[in-house]
Amino acid sequence: MRALYFIIDTLIGMYQLVLLLRLLMQLTRADFRNPIARGIVQLTNPLVLPLRRVLPPLRRIDSASVVAVLLVALFKVWVLQVLLIHGVPSLQTLLRGTLLDSIDVVLRTYLYSMILNAILSFVAPGNYSPAQSILASICDPVLNPIRKYIPSIAGLDLSPFWACIAIQALRILVG
């Protein structure tokens, strides 16, 4: 049973992550000509495009992508709760679980994006990488305010370090 729980949690979580990346790339105006971005769009179109016909965008926010992220989170929480309690969970449990799961996925996505972006900047500084381009567009809006107050030391940007500490603290607070 635990193996099935793990497999379902992982597979639905991966699709949830891809949907969230699409949303974050739209919010940060990432380059959608990037091959990785095109792949993300193609993977998420089957869920987002039907929702887009019904839900209009709200200024810069693609409401269809937001609803898709929340629907997948709701589905994930529902399936995992059914496996755990062998019955249908209450509406309150579903809504609370969806909210907490969505917040955790956003925080983990930023945490791992910043770590991966920092590693890629050490491995291939100055070289173009499609992954680094997307990671930079996602991470920079969070890191730029930190960079204003914490300058780089001897060319070493410490803003991802402080951002990761703040994100981990938020994950602990959300629990």
N, C-alpha and C. Protein backbone atom coordinates (compact mmCIF):
# COMPACT_ATOMS: atom_id res chain seq x y z
N MET A 1 0.83 -1.20 0.00
CA MET A 1 0.00 0.00 0.00
C MET A 1 0.87 1.26 0.00
N ARG A 2 1.97 1.23 0.76
CA ARG A 2 2.84 2.39 0.81
C ARG A 2 3.51 2.65 -0.53
N ALA A 3 3.83 1.57 -1.24
CA ALA A 3 4.45 1.73 -2.56
C ALA A 3 3.46 2.37 -3.53
N LEU A 4 2.21 1.94 -3.49
CA LEU A 4 1.18 2.53 -4.34
C LEU A 4 0.97 4.01 -4.01
N TYR A 5 0.94 4.32 -2.73
CA TYR A 5 0.82 5.71 -2.26
C TYR A 5 1.97 6.54 -2.83
N PHE A 6 3.20 6.00 -2.72
CA PHE A 6 4.37 6.71 -3.22
C PHE A 6 4.29 6.95 -4.72
N ILE A 7 3.91 5.91 -5.47
CA ILE A 7 3.84 6.03 -6.93
C ILE A 7 2.81 7.07 -7.34
N ILE A 8 1.62 7.02 -6.74
CA ILE A 8 0.57 7.98 -7.08
C ILE A 8 0.98 9.39 -6.69
N ASP A 9 1.53 9.54 -5.49
CA ASP A 9 1.98 10.85 -5.03
C ASP A 9 3.05 11.41 -5.96
N THR A 10 3.97 10.59 -6.40
CA THR A 10 5.05 11.04 -7.27
C THR A 10 4.55 11.43 -8.65
N LEU A 11 3.73 10.57 -9.25
CA LEU A 11 3.27 10.84 -10.61
C LEU A 11 2.37 12.08 -10.68
N ILE A 12 1.41 12.16 -9.77
CA ILE A 12 0.53 13.34 -9.77
C ILE A 12 1.32 14.58 -9.38
N GLY A 13 2.26 14.43 -8.44
CA GLY A 13 3.10 15.55 -8.02
C GLY A 13 3.97 16.08 -9.15
N MET A 14 4.45 15.18 -10.02
CA MET A 14 5.26 15.63 -11.15
C MET A 14 4.43 16.44 -12.14
N TYR A 15 3.20 16.01 -12.38
CA TYR A 15 2.35 16.78 -13.29
C TYR A 15 1.96 18.12 -12.64
N GLN A 16 1.75 18.09 -11.35
CA GLN A 16 1.45 19.32 -10.62
C GLN A 16 2.63 20.29 -10.73
N LEU A 17 3.83 19.78 -10.65
CA LEU A 17 5.03 20.60 -10.79
C LEU A 17 5.13 21.21 -12.19
N VAL A 18 4.84 20.42 -13.21
CA VAL A 18 4.90 20.93 -14.58
C VAL A 18 3.86 22.04 -14.78
N LEU A 19 2.66 21.84 -14.23
CA LEU A 19 1.63 22.88 -14.32
C LEU A 19 2.06 24.15 -13.59
N LEU A 20 2.67 23.97 -12.43
CA LEU A 20 3.14 25.13 -11.66
C LEU A 20 4.25 25.85 -12.40
N LEU A 21 5.15 25.10 -13.03
CA LEU A 21 6.21 25.74 -13.81
C LEU A 21 5.63 26.57 -14.95
N ARG A 22 4.59 26.04 -15.60
CA ARG A 22 3.94 26.81 -16.66
C ARG A 22 3.39 28.12 -16.10
N LEU A 23 2.73 28.05 -14.97
CA LEU A 23 2.16 29.25 -14.35
C LEU A 23 3.27 30.24 -13.96
N LEU A 24 4.33 29.74 -13.34
CA LEU A 24 5.42 30.63 -12.93
C LEU A 24 6.12 31.25 -14.13
N MET A 25 6.27 30.48 -15.20
CA MET A 25 6.90 31.04 -16.40
C MET A 25 6.02 32.13 -17.01
N GLN A 26 4.70 31.96 -16.94
CA GLN A 26 3.80 33.00 -17.45
C GLN A 26 3.89 34.25 -16.58
N LEU A 27 3.93 34.06 -15.28
CA LEU A 27 3.99 35.21 -14.37
C LEU A 27 5.30 35.98 -14.49
N THR A 28 6.38 35.28 -14.75
CA THR A 28 7.69 35.93 -14.84
C THR A 28 8.07 36.28 -16.27
N ARG A 29 7.17 36.01 -17.21
CA ARG A 29 7.39 36.32 -18.62
C ARG A 29 8.65 35.64 -19.16
N ALA A 30 8.76 34.36 -18.88
CA ALA A 30 9.90 33.58 -19.38
C ALA A 30 9.80 33.44 -20.89
N ASP A 31 10.90 33.09 -21.50
CA ASP A 31 10.96 32.92 -22.95
C ASP A 31 10.32 31.59 -23.33
N PHE A 32 9.15 31.64 -23.96
CA PHE A 32 8.43 30.42 -24.33
C PHE A 32 8.95 29.83 -25.64
N ARG A 33 9.95 30.45 -26.26
CA ARG A 33 10.60 29.84 -27.42
C ARG A 33 11.64 28.81 -26.98
N ASN A 34 11.95 28.82 -25.71
CA ASN A 34 12.88 27.89 -25.11
C ASN A 34 12.35 26.46 -25.30
N PRO A 35 13.18 25.49 -25.69
CA PRO A 35 12.68 24.13 -25.92
C PRO A 35 12.08 23.48 -24.68
N ILE A 36 12.62 23.78 -23.51
CA ILE A 36 12.05 23.22 -22.28
C ILE A 36 10.68 23.84 -22.02
N ALA A 37 10.55 25.13 -22.25
CA ALA A 37 9.26 25.80 -22.06
C ALA A 37 8.22 25.26 -23.03
N ARG A 38 8.63 25.01 -24.26
CA ARG A 38 7.69 24.43 -25.23
C ARG A 38 7.23 23.05 -24.80
N GLY A 39 8.14 22.26 -24.24
CA GLY A 39 7.78 20.95 -23.72
C GLY A 39 6.79 21.03 -22.57
N ILE A 40 7.02 21.98 -21.69
CA ILE A 40 6.10 22.19 -20.55
C ILE A 40 4.72 22.59 -21.06
N VAL A 41 4.68 23.47 -22.03
CA VAL A 41 3.40 23.91 -22.59
C VAL A 41 2.67 22.73 -23.24
N GLN A 42 3.39 21.92 -24.00
CA GLN A 42 2.75 20.77 -24.66
C GLN A 42 2.24 19.75 -23.65
N LEU A 43 2.96 19.55 -22.55
CA LEU A 43 2.52 18.61 -21.53
C LEU A 43 1.28 19.09 -20.79
N THR A 44 1.15 20.40 -20.65
CA THR A 44 0.05 20.94 -19.85
C THR A 44 -1.14 21.39 -20.68
N ASN A 45 -0.99 21.51 -21.98
CA ASN A 45 -2.09 21.96 -22.83
C ASN A 45 -3.36 21.12 -22.71
N PRO A 46 -3.28 19.78 -22.59
CA PRO A 46 -4.53 19.01 -22.50
C PRO A 46 -5.42 19.40 -21.34
N LEU A 47 -4.86 19.92 -20.26
CA LEU A 47 -5.69 20.36 -19.14
C LEU A 47 -5.97 21.86 -19.17
N VAL A 48 -4.98 22.65 -19.59
CA VAL A 48 -5.12 24.11 -19.52
C VAL A 48 -6.01 24.66 -20.64
N LEU A 49 -5.87 24.15 -21.85
CA LEU A 49 -6.64 24.72 -22.97
C LEU A 49 -8.15 24.58 -22.80
N PRO A 50 -8.68 23.44 -22.37
CA PRO A 50 -10.13 23.39 -22.13
C PRO A 50 -10.59 24.36 -21.03
N LEU A 51 -9.76 24.52 -20.01
CA LEU A 51 -10.10 25.48 -18.95
C LEU A 51 -10.04 26.91 -19.45
N ARG A 52 -9.13 27.17 -20.37
CA ARG A 52 -8.97 28.52 -20.89
C ARG A 52 -10.20 28.95 -21.70
N ARG A 53 -10.90 28.00 -22.29
CA ARG A 53 -12.12 28.34 -23.02
C ARG A 53 -13.21 28.85 -22.09
N VAL A 54 -13.17 28.40 -20.83
CA VAL A 54 -14.20 28.75 -19.86
C VAL A 54 -13.76 29.91 -18.96
N LEU A 55 -12.48 29.94 -18.61
CA LEU A 55 -11.97 30.93 -17.65
C LEU A 55 -11.13 31.99 -18.36
N PRO A 56 -11.55 33.24 -18.31
CA PRO A 56 -10.76 34.30 -18.94
C PRO A 56 -9.56 34.66 -18.05
N PRO A 57 -8.51 35.18 -18.65
CA PRO A 57 -7.36 35.61 -17.83
C PRO A 57 -7.72 36.84 -17.00
N LEU A 58 -7.08 36.94 -15.85
CA LEU A 58 -7.25 38.10 -14.98
C LEU A 58 -5.97 38.93 -15.04
N ARG A 59 -5.97 39.93 -15.90
CA ARG A 59 -4.80 40.77 -16.18
C ARG A 59 -3.64 39.89 -16.61
N ARG A 60 -2.55 39.84 -15.82
CA ARG A 60 -1.38 39.04 -16.18
C ARG A 60 -1.51 37.59 -15.74
N ILE A 61 -2.50 37.27 -14.95
CA ILE A 61 -2.63 35.93 -14.38
C ILE A 61 -3.52 35.08 -15.27
N ASP A 62 -2.98 33.96 -15.69
CA ASP A 62 -3.74 33.01 -16.48
C ASP A 62 -4.58 32.18 -15.51
N SER A 63 -5.84 32.52 -15.39
CA SER A 63 -6.71 31.84 -14.42
C SER A 63 -6.86 30.36 -14.74
N ALA A 64 -6.78 29.98 -16.00
CA ALA A 64 -6.88 28.57 -16.36
C ALA A 64 -5.71 27.77 -15.78
N SER A 65 -4.53 28.34 -15.81
CA SER A 65 -3.36 27.66 -15.24
C SER A 65 -3.46 27.56 -13.72
N VAL A 66 -3.95 28.62 -13.08
CA VAL A 66 -4.12 28.59 -11.63
C VAL A 66 -5.13 27.52 -11.24
N VAL A 67 -6.26 27.48 -11.93
CA VAL A 67 -7.29 26.49 -11.64
C VAL A 67 -6.77 25.08 -11.92
N ALA A 68 -5.98 24.92 -12.98
CA ALA A 68 -5.41 23.60 -13.29
C ALA A 68 -4.50 23.12 -12.17
N VAL A 69 -3.65 24.02 -11.66
CA VAL A 69 -2.76 23.65 -10.54
C VAL A 69 -3.59 23.23 -9.33
N LEU A 70 -4.63 24.00 -9.03
CA LEU A 70 -5.46 23.68 -7.87
C LEU A 70 -6.27 22.40 -8.07
N LEU A 71 -6.76 22.17 -9.28
CA LEU A 71 -7.52 20.95 -9.55
C LEU A 71 -6.65 19.71 -9.41
N VAL A 72 -5.44 19.78 -9.90
CA VAL A 72 -4.54 18.64 -9.78
C VAL A 72 -4.16 18.42 -8.31
N ALA A 73 -3.96 19.50 -7.57
CA ALA A 73 -3.68 19.36 -6.14
C ALA A 73 -4.87 18.74 -5.41
N LEU A 74 -6.06 19.19 -5.74
CA LEU A 74 -7.27 18.63 -5.13
C LEU A 74 -7.41 17.14 -5.46
N PHE A 75 -7.17 16.79 -6.72
CA PHE A 75 -7.24 15.39 -7.13
C PHE A 75 -6.21 14.55 -6.38
N LYS A 76 -4.99 15.08 -6.25
CA LYS A 76 -3.93 14.36 -5.56
C LYS A 76 -4.29 14.14 -4.10
N VAL A 77 -4.77 15.17 -3.43
CA VAL A 77 -5.16 15.05 -2.02
C VAL A 77 -6.31 14.05 -1.88
N TRP A 78 -7.28 14.12 -2.78
CA TRP A 78 -8.42 13.21 -2.71
C TRP A 78 -7.98 11.76 -2.88
N VAL A 79 -7.17 11.48 -3.90
CA VAL A 79 -6.73 10.11 -4.15
C VAL A 79 -5.90 9.59 -2.98
N LEU A 80 -4.98 10.40 -2.47
CA LEU A 80 -4.13 9.95 -1.37
C LEU A 80 -4.93 9.75 -0.09
N GLN A 81 -5.92 10.60 0.15
CA GLN A 81 -6.77 10.43 1.33
C GLN A 81 -7.63 9.17 1.22
N VAL A 82 -8.13 8.88 0.03
CA VAL A 82 -8.90 7.66 -0.19
C VAL A 82 -8.03 6.44 0.10
N LEU A 83 -6.78 6.48 -0.33
CA LEU A 83 -5.88 5.36 -0.06
C LEU A 83 -5.58 5.23 1.43
N LEU A 84 -5.45 6.36 2.12
CA LEU A 84 -5.10 6.32 3.54
C LEU A 84 -6.26 5.88 4.42
N ILE A 85 -7.43 6.47 4.21
CA ILE A 85 -8.53 6.20 5.14
C ILE A 85 -9.53 5.19 4.59
N HIS A 86 -9.30 4.73 3.36
CA HIS A 86 -10.18 3.75 2.72
C HIS A 86 -11.62 4.23 2.69
N GLY A 87 -11.79 5.49 2.43
CA GLY A 87 -13.12 6.08 2.32
C GLY A 87 -13.00 7.48 1.74
N VAL A 88 -14.11 8.15 1.62
CA VAL A 88 -14.13 9.49 1.05
C VAL A 88 -13.82 10.51 2.15
N PRO A 89 -12.84 11.37 1.94
CA PRO A 89 -12.50 12.39 2.94
C PRO A 89 -13.55 13.50 2.97
N SER A 90 -13.58 14.21 4.07
CA SER A 90 -14.52 15.32 4.20
C SER A 90 -14.08 16.50 3.34
N LEU A 91 -15.02 17.39 3.06
CA LEU A 91 -14.72 18.57 2.24
C LEU A 91 -13.68 19.44 2.92
N GLN A 92 -13.77 19.58 4.23
CA GLN A 92 -12.80 20.39 4.97
C GLN A 92 -11.40 19.80 4.85
N THR A 93 -11.29 18.49 4.94
CA THR A 93 -9.99 17.83 4.80
C THR A 93 -9.44 18.05 3.40
N LEU A 94 -10.28 17.95 2.40
CA LEU A 94 -9.85 18.15 1.01
C LEU A 94 -9.36 19.57 0.78
N LEU A 95 -10.13 20.55 1.23
CA LEU A 95 -9.76 21.95 1.00
C LEU A 95 -8.48 22.32 1.76
N ARG A 96 -8.39 21.89 3.00
CA ARG A 96 -7.20 22.18 3.80
C ARG A 96 -5.98 21.50 3.19
N GLY A 97 -6.13 20.24 2.81
CA GLY A 97 -5.03 19.50 2.20
C GLY A 97 -4.59 20.11 0.88
N THR A 98 -5.56 20.55 0.09
CA THR A 98 -5.24 21.17 -1.20
C THR A 98 -4.47 22.47 -1.00
N LEU A 99 -4.91 23.28 -0.07
CA LEU A 99 -4.22 24.55 0.21
C LEU A 99 -2.80 24.30 0.70
N LEU A 100 -2.65 23.41 1.68
CA LEU A 100 -1.31 23.14 2.23
C LEU A 100 -0.40 22.49 1.18
N ASP A 101 -0.96 21.57 0.40
CA ASP A 101 -0.16 20.91 -0.64
C ASP A 101 0.28 21.91 -1.70
N SER A 102 -0.61 22.81 -2.10
CA SER A 102 -0.27 23.81 -3.11
C SER A 102 0.82 24.75 -2.62
N ILE A 103 0.70 25.20 -1.38
CA ILE A 103 1.73 26.08 -0.81
C ILE A 103 3.06 25.35 -0.74
N ASP A 104 3.03 24.10 -0.30
CA ASP A 104 4.27 23.33 -0.19
C ASP A 104 4.92 23.10 -1.55
N VAL A 105 4.12 22.82 -2.56
CA VAL A 105 4.67 22.61 -3.91
C VAL A 105 5.31 23.89 -4.43
N VAL A 106 4.68 25.02 -4.20
CA VAL A 106 5.27 26.30 -4.65
C VAL A 106 6.59 26.55 -3.93
N LEU A 107 6.61 26.35 -2.63
CA LEU A 107 7.83 26.60 -1.86
C LEU A 107 8.95 25.63 -2.27
N ARG A 108 8.61 24.35 -2.43
CA ARG A 108 9.62 23.38 -2.85
C ARG A 108 10.12 23.67 -4.26
N THR A 109 9.24 24.11 -5.13
CA THR A 109 9.65 24.44 -6.50
C THR A 109 10.65 25.58 -6.48
N TYR A 110 10.38 26.61 -5.70
CA TYR A 110 11.33 27.71 -5.61
C TYR A 110 12.63 27.27 -4.96
N LEU A 111 12.54 26.47 -3.92
CA LEU A 111 13.75 26.00 -3.23
C LEU A 111 14.65 25.23 -4.18
N TYR A 112 14.10 24.23 -4.87
CA TYR A 112 14.91 23.42 -5.76
C TYR A 112 15.35 24.20 -6.99
N SER A 113 14.53 25.13 -7.46
CA SER A 113 14.92 25.96 -8.60
C SER A 113 16.13 26.82 -8.25
N MET A 114 16.13 27.37 -7.05
CA MET A 114 17.25 28.22 -6.65
C MET A 114 18.52 27.41 -6.47
N ILE A 115 18.38 26.23 -5.88
CA ILE A 115 19.56 25.38 -5.71
C ILE A 115 20.11 24.96 -7.07
N LEU A 116 19.24 24.51 -7.95
CA LEU A 116 19.68 24.08 -9.28
C LEU A 116 20.27 25.24 -10.08
N ASN A 117 19.65 26.41 -9.98
CA ASN A 117 20.17 27.59 -10.68
C ASN A 117 21.56 27.96 -10.17
N ALA A 118 21.76 27.88 -8.85
CA ALA A 118 23.07 28.19 -8.27
C ALA A 118 24.11 27.18 -8.74
N ILE A 119 23.75 25.91 -8.77
CA ILE A 119 24.70 24.88 -9.22
C ILE A 119 25.05 25.09 -10.69
N LEU A 120 24.05 25.35 -11.53
CA LEU A 120 24.32 25.58 -12.94
C LEU A 120 25.18 26.82 -13.17
N SER A 121 25.01 27.83 -12.34
CA SER A 121 25.83 29.04 -12.51
C SER A 121 27.29 28.77 -12.14
N PHE A 122 27.55 27.79 -11.27
CA PHE A 122 28.93 27.43 -10.95
C PHE A 122 29.52 26.53 -12.02
N VAL A 123 28.71 25.61 -12.55
CA VAL A 123 29.21 24.63 -13.50
C VAL A 123 29.53 25.27 -14.85
N ALA A 124 28.63 26.09 -15.35
CA ALA A 124 28.82 26.69 -16.67
C ALA A 124 28.50 28.18 -16.63
N PRO A 125 29.33 28.97 -15.95
CA PRO A 125 29.05 30.40 -15.89
C PRO A 125 29.23 31.06 -17.26
N GLY A 126 28.26 31.87 -17.63
CA GLY A 126 28.35 32.62 -18.87
C GLY A 126 27.90 31.86 -20.10
N ASN A 127 27.69 30.56 -20.00
CA ASN A 127 27.21 29.78 -21.15
C ASN A 127 25.70 29.75 -21.14
N TYR A 128 25.13 29.66 -22.36
CA TYR A 128 23.67 29.59 -22.46
C TYR A 128 23.20 28.16 -22.21
N SER A 129 22.18 28.05 -21.41
CA SER A 129 21.54 26.76 -21.17
C SER A 129 20.04 27.01 -21.12
N PRO A 130 19.24 26.22 -21.85
CA PRO A 130 17.79 26.42 -21.79
C PRO A 130 17.23 26.28 -20.37
N ALA A 131 17.79 25.34 -19.62
CA ALA A 131 17.33 25.14 -18.24
C ALA A 131 17.68 26.35 -17.38
N GLN A 132 18.89 26.84 -17.53
CA GLN A 132 19.31 27.99 -16.71
C GLN A 132 18.52 29.24 -17.07
N SER A 133 18.14 29.37 -18.33
CA SER A 133 17.33 30.51 -18.74
C SER A 133 15.98 30.51 -18.03
N ILE A 134 15.34 29.36 -18.00
CA ILE A 134 14.04 29.26 -17.32
C ILE A 134 14.20 29.44 -15.82
N LEU A 135 15.21 28.79 -15.25
CA LEU A 135 15.43 28.91 -13.80
C LEU A 135 15.71 30.35 -13.40
N ALA A 136 16.50 31.04 -14.21
CA ALA A 136 16.80 32.44 -13.89
C ALA A 136 15.54 33.29 -13.96
N SER A 137 14.71 33.05 -14.95
CA SER A 137 13.49 33.86 -15.06
C SER A 137 12.52 33.59 -13.90
N ILE A 138 12.53 32.37 -13.38
CA ILE A 138 11.66 32.04 -12.25
C ILE A 138 12.24 32.57 -10.94
N CYS A 139 13.55 32.42 -10.77
CA CYS A 139 14.18 32.76 -9.49
C CYS A 139 14.49 34.25 -9.32
N ASP A 140 14.80 34.95 -10.40
CA ASP A 140 15.23 36.34 -10.28
C ASP A 140 14.22 37.26 -9.59
N PRO A 141 12.91 37.13 -9.82
CA PRO A 141 12.00 38.02 -9.10
C PRO A 141 12.04 37.85 -7.58
N VAL A 142 12.44 36.67 -7.12
CA VAL A 142 12.56 36.45 -5.68
C VAL A 142 13.94 36.89 -5.20
N LEU A 143 14.96 36.66 -6.01
CA LEU A 143 16.32 36.95 -5.59
C LEU A 143 16.71 38.42 -5.71
N ASN A 144 16.13 39.15 -6.66
CA ASN A 144 16.52 40.55 -6.85
C ASN A 144 16.30 41.43 -5.62
N PRO A 145 15.17 41.33 -4.92
CA PRO A 145 15.04 42.14 -3.69
C PRO A 145 16.09 41.79 -2.64
N ILE A 146 16.47 40.52 -2.57
CA ILE A 146 17.50 40.12 -1.60
C ILE A 146 18.85 40.69 -2.02
N ARG A 147 19.11 40.71 -3.32
CA ARG A 147 20.38 41.22 -3.84
C ARG A 147 20.56 42.70 -3.54
N LYS A 148 19.45 43.43 -3.39
CA LYS A 148 19.56 44.86 -3.07
C LYS A 148 20.17 45.06 -1.68
N TYR A 149 19.86 44.16 -0.75
CA TYR A 149 20.32 44.32 0.63
C TYR A 149 21.57 43.50 0.95
N ILE A 150 21.78 42.41 0.22
CA ILE A 150 22.94 41.57 0.47
C ILE A 150 23.76 41.51 -0.82
N PRO A 151 24.81 42.33 -0.90
CA PRO A 151 25.61 42.34 -2.13
C PRO A 151 26.46 41.06 -2.23
N SER A 152 26.94 40.79 -3.44
CA SER A 152 27.81 39.63 -3.62
C SER A 152 29.15 39.91 -2.96
N ILE A 153 29.76 38.86 -2.46
CA ILE A 153 31.05 38.97 -1.78
C ILE A 153 32.09 38.29 -2.67
N ALA A 154 33.04 39.06 -3.13
CA ALA A 154 34.11 38.56 -4.01
C ALA A 154 33.53 37.85 -5.23
N GLY A 155 32.44 38.41 -5.77
CA GLY A 155 31.82 37.84 -6.96
C GLY A 155 30.90 36.67 -6.68
N LEU A 156 30.72 36.31 -5.42
CA LEU A 156 29.86 35.18 -5.05
C LEU A 156 28.50 35.72 -4.59
N ASP A 157 27.46 35.36 -5.32
CA ASP A 157 26.10 35.80 -5.01
C ASP A 157 25.53 34.92 -3.91
N LEU A 158 25.28 35.52 -2.75
CA LEU A 158 24.76 34.76 -1.61
C LEU A 158 23.24 34.83 -1.49
N SER A 159 22.58 35.53 -2.41
CA SER A 159 21.13 35.66 -2.31
C SER A 159 20.39 34.32 -2.37
N PRO A 160 20.81 33.34 -3.19
CA PRO A 160 20.11 32.05 -3.15
C PRO A 160 20.21 31.36 -1.79
N PHE A 161 21.33 31.52 -1.13
CA PHE A 161 21.53 30.94 0.20
C PHE A 161 20.49 31.50 1.18
N TRP A 162 20.35 32.83 1.20
CA TRP A 162 19.40 33.45 2.13
C TRP A 162 17.96 33.17 1.73
N ALA A 163 17.70 33.12 0.43
CA ALA A 163 16.36 32.79 -0.03
C ALA A 163 15.98 31.37 0.36
N CYS A 164 16.91 30.44 0.25
CA CYS A 164 16.63 29.05 0.64
C CYS A 164 16.37 28.92 2.13
N ILE A 165 17.09 29.68 2.93
CA ILE A 165 16.83 29.68 4.37
C ILE A 165 15.43 30.22 4.65
N ALA A 166 15.05 31.30 4.00
CA ALA A 166 13.71 31.88 4.20
C ALA A 166 12.62 30.91 3.73
N ILE A 167 12.84 30.24 2.61
CA ILE A 167 11.84 29.30 2.10
C ILE A 167 11.69 28.12 3.05
N GLN A 168 12.80 27.61 3.55
CA GLN A 168 12.71 26.50 4.51
C GLN A 168 11.98 26.92 5.77
N ALA A 169 12.23 28.15 6.23
CA ALA A 169 11.52 28.65 7.41
C ALA A 169 10.02 28.74 7.13
N LEU A 170 9.65 29.21 5.94
CA LEU A 170 8.24 29.26 5.58
C LEU A 170 7.62 27.87 5.51
N ARG A 171 8.36 26.91 4.99
CA ARG A 171 7.85 25.53 4.94
C ARG A 171 7.62 24.99 6.34
N ILE A 172 8.49 25.33 7.26
CA ILE A 172 8.31 24.89 8.65
C ILE A 172 7.08 25.56 9.25
N LEU A 173 6.91 26.85 8.99
CA LEU A 173 5.74 27.57 9.53
C LEU A 173 4.43 27.03 8.98
N VAL A 174 4.41 26.73 7.68
CA VAL A 174 3.19 26.21 7.06
C VAL A 174 2.91 24.80 7.55
N GLY A 175 3.99 24.05 7.73
CA GLY A 175 3.89 22.71 8.33
C GLY A 175 3.18 21.73 7.49
